[in-house]
């Protein structure tokens, strides 16, 4: 559970994620993932689903989503790429938009686009179980099961890699047919649980 102390400021959170609050706090549903008409048009065109509400006022507000773990990410001008289902809450100073993922998104069961968060402030990202943060550096790429991927930051390129070989086709493989490879310099958040993906077992 995430407790947010508010002193007249605002936060944007996944719609319906408020579980309790004290003080004087008002809630308002936002269109377009919190980015107004332009964001609404963009998200409808891309198919990226994100329903957001604004909480504003004085007091303490508590947010949660299906008892998942919450990971706090501090952004200092960087961009956070995160699946929309895993984005719980952000400071109102952060801007959210969409980013094209192509086949990588399809393999992870989410689609062609994912959510990006930019600016200066805190974002809360959920994971099924405590997430680990893995560093990627030049010359040391990282491969992640698409069902375990949560989010990433930094200057990273991601590409779809096949783990399928003759042993997989003969039914003797390890069952990990597709991975997403991250190369460059940045951080990748990985959860200890795998959601169902299109690029799962062959």
Protein backbone atom coordinates (compact mmCIF):
# COMPACT_ATOMS: atom_id res chain seq x y z
CA UNK A 1 0.00 0.00 0.00
CA UNK A 2 1.21 3.49 -0.86
CA UNK A 3 0.57 6.34 1.58
CA UNK A 4 0.80 9.82 0.03
CA UNK A 5 0.90 12.85 2.32
CA UNK A 6 -0.74 15.78 0.53
CA UNK A 7 -0.52 19.47 1.37
CA UNK A 8 -2.72 20.97 -1.31
CA UNK A 9 -0.86 19.33 -4.18
CA UNK A 10 -2.18 16.68 -6.57
CA UNK A 11 -1.28 13.17 -7.70
CA UNK A 12 -2.47 11.10 -10.64
CA UNK A 13 -3.39 7.49 -9.89
CA UNK A 14 -4.95 4.46 -11.54
CA UNK A 15 -8.72 4.90 -11.45
CA UNK A 16 -10.23 3.06 -8.49
CA UNK A 17 -6.90 2.50 -6.68
CA UNK A 18 -7.76 4.67 -3.65
CA UNK A 19 -8.46 2.42 -0.65
CA UNK A 20 -8.63 5.02 2.17
CA UNK A 21 -7.89 8.65 3.00
CA UNK A 22 -7.89 11.16 5.82
CA UNK A 23 -8.43 14.91 5.55
CA UNK A 24 -10.05 16.87 2.75
CA UNK A 25 -9.21 15.25 -0.57
CA UNK A 26 -11.21 15.51 -3.79
CA UNK A 27 -11.11 12.96 -6.62
CA UNK A 28 -11.69 13.63 -10.30
CA UNK A 29 -11.52 11.26 -13.27
CA UNK A 30 -9.10 12.47 -15.95
CA UNK A 31 -9.35 11.82 -19.68
CA UNK A 32 -6.53 10.67 -21.91
CA UNK A 33 -4.40 9.15 -19.15
CA UNK A 34 -4.28 12.53 -17.43
CA UNK A 35 -3.10 14.38 -20.53
CA UNK A 36 -6.38 15.90 -21.68
CA UNK A 37 -7.90 15.74 -25.16
CA UNK A 38 -4.58 15.17 -26.95
CA UNK A 39 -3.75 12.26 -24.67
CA UNK A 40 -7.22 10.80 -25.12
CA UNK A 41 -6.95 10.92 -28.92
CA UNK A 42 -3.44 9.44 -28.84
CA UNK A 43 -4.45 6.58 -26.55
CA UNK A 44 -7.53 5.75 -28.60
CA UNK A 45 -5.45 5.70 -31.79
CA UNK A 46 -2.75 3.51 -30.22
CA UNK A 47 -5.07 1.26 -28.22
CA UNK A 48 -3.09 1.87 -25.02
CA UNK A 49 -5.58 1.69 -22.15
CA UNK A 50 -5.05 3.88 -19.10
CA UNK A 51 -7.84 5.27 -16.93
CA UNK A 52 -6.55 7.85 -14.45
CA UNK A 53 -7.98 9.90 -11.61
CA UNK A 54 -6.62 12.99 -9.85
CA UNK A 55 -6.49 13.22 -6.07
CA UNK A 56 -6.00 16.72 -4.68
CA UNK A 57 -6.24 18.33 -1.27
CA UNK A 58 -5.00 18.17 2.31
CA UNK A 59 -4.45 14.87 4.11
CA UNK A 60 -3.11 11.39 3.53
CA UNK A 61 -4.33 9.19 0.69
CA UNK A 62 -3.71 5.43 0.47
CA UNK A 63 -3.42 3.64 -2.88
CA UNK A 64 -3.21 -0.09 -3.69
CA UNK A 65 -3.92 -2.47 -6.57
CA UNK A 66 -4.83 -6.13 -5.90
CA UNK A 67 -2.23 -6.42 -3.08
CA UNK A 68 0.66 -6.09 -5.55
CA UNK A 69 4.07 -4.84 -4.43
CA UNK A 70 4.80 -1.13 -4.95
CA UNK A 71 8.14 0.15 -6.25
CA UNK A 72 8.97 3.86 -6.04
CA UNK A 73 10.90 5.33 -8.98
CA UNK A 74 12.45 8.81 -8.77
CA UNK A 75 12.72 10.58 -12.12
CA UNK A 76 15.12 13.48 -12.58
CA UNK A 77 14.41 14.29 -16.20
CA UNK A 78 14.62 10.68 -17.37
CA UNK A 79 11.88 8.66 -19.05
CA UNK A 80 10.25 5.66 -17.42
CA UNK A 81 8.74 3.07 -19.78
CA UNK A 82 6.11 0.97 -18.00
CA UNK A 83 3.15 -1.21 -18.89
CA UNK A 84 -0.03 0.78 -18.16
CA UNK A 85 -1.35 -1.98 -15.87
CA UNK A 86 1.75 -1.55 -13.68
CA UNK A 87 1.56 2.24 -13.25
CA UNK A 88 -0.19 2.94 -9.95
CA UNK A 89 0.47 6.60 -9.17
CA UNK A 90 2.57 9.60 -10.23
CA UNK A 91 3.14 13.11 -9.01
CA UNK A 92 1.12 15.61 -11.02
CA UNK A 93 4.37 17.19 -12.25
CA UNK A 94 5.13 14.11 -14.36
CA UNK A 95 3.88 13.84 -17.94
CA UNK A 96 2.53 10.55 -19.30
CA UNK A 97 2.34 9.54 -22.95
CA UNK A 98 2.65 6.52 -25.23
CA UNK A 99 5.64 4.83 -26.85
CA UNK A 100 5.74 2.42 -29.79
CA UNK A 101 7.01 -1.07 -28.87
CA UNK A 102 6.12 -3.10 -31.96
CA UNK A 103 6.55 -6.86 -31.70
CA UNK A 104 8.13 -6.51 -28.26
CA UNK A 105 4.83 -5.32 -26.86
CA UNK A 106 2.87 -8.04 -28.60
CA UNK A 107 5.17 -10.72 -27.19
CA UNK A 108 4.58 -9.42 -23.67
CA UNK A 109 0.83 -9.60 -24.19
CA UNK A 110 0.24 -5.83 -24.06
CA UNK A 111 0.15 -4.54 -27.62
CA UNK A 112 2.04 -2.21 -29.93
CA UNK A 113 2.32 0.67 -27.46
CA UNK A 114 3.34 1.17 -23.83
CA UNK A 115 3.17 4.06 -21.37
CA UNK A 116 6.05 6.47 -20.84
CA UNK A 117 6.43 8.81 -17.87
CA UNK A 118 8.68 11.87 -18.14
CA UNK A 119 9.82 14.79 -15.99
CA UNK A 120 10.86 15.35 -12.39
CA UNK A 121 9.06 13.56 -9.56
CA UNK A 122 8.04 10.21 -8.11
CA UNK A 123 6.21 7.37 -9.82
CA UNK A 124 4.83 4.24 -8.15
CA UNK A 125 5.04 1.02 -10.17
CA UNK A 126 3.39 -2.26 -9.15
CA UNK A 127 4.77 -5.77 -9.51
CA UNK A 128 3.59 -9.27 -8.62
CA UNK A 129 6.04 -9.91 -5.82
CA UNK A 130 9.07 -7.76 -4.92
CA UNK A 131 10.67 -6.52 -8.14
CA UNK A 132 14.42 -6.58 -8.64
CA UNK A 133 16.30 -3.86 -10.51
CA UNK A 134 18.88 -5.12 -12.99
CA UNK A 135 21.50 -2.81 -14.49
CA UNK A 136 22.31 -2.97 -18.19
CA UNK A 137 25.65 -1.56 -19.36
CA UNK A 138 27.45 -1.28 -22.68
CA UNK A 139 28.59 -4.70 -23.86
CA UNK A 140 26.50 -6.48 -21.20
CA UNK A 141 22.95 -6.90 -22.59
CA UNK A 142 20.14 -8.38 -20.53
CA UNK A 143 17.48 -10.84 -21.64
CA UNK A 144 14.14 -10.89 -19.84
CA UNK A 145 11.14 -13.15 -20.10
CA UNK A 146 8.40 -10.88 -21.52
CA UNK A 147 5.97 -12.00 -18.83
CA UNK A 148 8.35 -10.91 -16.06
CA UNK A 149 9.15 -7.46 -17.49
CA UNK A 150 7.64 -4.50 -15.60
CA UNK A 151 9.44 -1.28 -16.61
CA UNK A 152 12.76 0.27 -17.57
CA UNK A 153 14.65 3.56 -17.55
CA UNK A 154 17.75 4.84 -19.30
CA UNK A 155 19.09 4.75 -22.84
CA UNK A 156 18.09 1.21 -23.73
CA UNK A 157 17.22 -0.47 -27.00
CA UNK A 158 14.99 -3.50 -26.77
CA UNK A 159 14.61 -6.22 -29.33
CA UNK A 160 12.85 -9.53 -29.58
CA UNK A 161 15.08 -12.60 -29.39
CA UNK A 162 14.10 -16.19 -30.03
CA UNK A 163 15.27 -18.91 -27.70
CA UNK A 164 13.78 -21.56 -29.93
CA UNK A 165 16.09 -24.10 -31.52
CA UNK A 166 15.91 -27.65 -32.81
CA UNK A 167 15.50 -29.01 -29.29
CA UNK A 168 12.50 -26.72 -28.76
CA UNK A 169 10.92 -27.82 -32.03
CA UNK A 170 11.48 -31.46 -31.06
CA UNK A 171 9.75 -30.86 -27.74
CA UNK A 172 12.92 -31.00 -25.64
CA UNK A 173 13.53 -27.28 -25.12
CA UNK A 174 13.33 -25.34 -21.91
CA UNK A 175 10.01 -23.73 -22.85
CA UNK A 176 11.42 -20.18 -22.97
CA UNK A 177 10.78 -19.53 -26.66
CA UNK A 178 10.98 -15.72 -26.71
CA UNK A 179 12.92 -13.17 -24.68
CA UNK A 180 13.25 -9.40 -24.83
CA UNK A 181 16.86 -8.22 -25.01
CA UNK A 182 17.86 -4.86 -23.52
CA UNK A 183 21.12 -3.29 -24.73
CA UNK A 184 22.69 0.04 -23.83
CA UNK A 185 22.81 1.73 -20.44
CA UNK A 186 19.92 1.70 -17.98
CA UNK A 187 17.83 -0.16 -15.41
CA UNK A 188 15.21 -2.88 -15.94
CA UNK A 189 12.54 -3.79 -13.36
CA UNK A 190 11.74 -7.52 -13.31
CA UNK A 191 9.01 -9.21 -11.24
CA UNK A 192 9.21 -12.75 -9.76
CA UNK A 193 6.03 -13.77 -11.54
CA UNK A 194 5.20 -14.37 -15.18
CA UNK A 195 1.98 -13.18 -16.78
CA UNK A 196 0.61 -15.05 -19.77
CA UNK A 197 2.20 -13.92 -23.04
CA UNK A 198 1.72 -14.56 -26.73
CA UNK A 199 5.40 -15.48 -27.04
CA UNK A 200 5.39 -18.11 -24.31
CA UNK A 201 5.95 -21.83 -24.72
CA UNK A 202 6.21 -23.17 -28.25
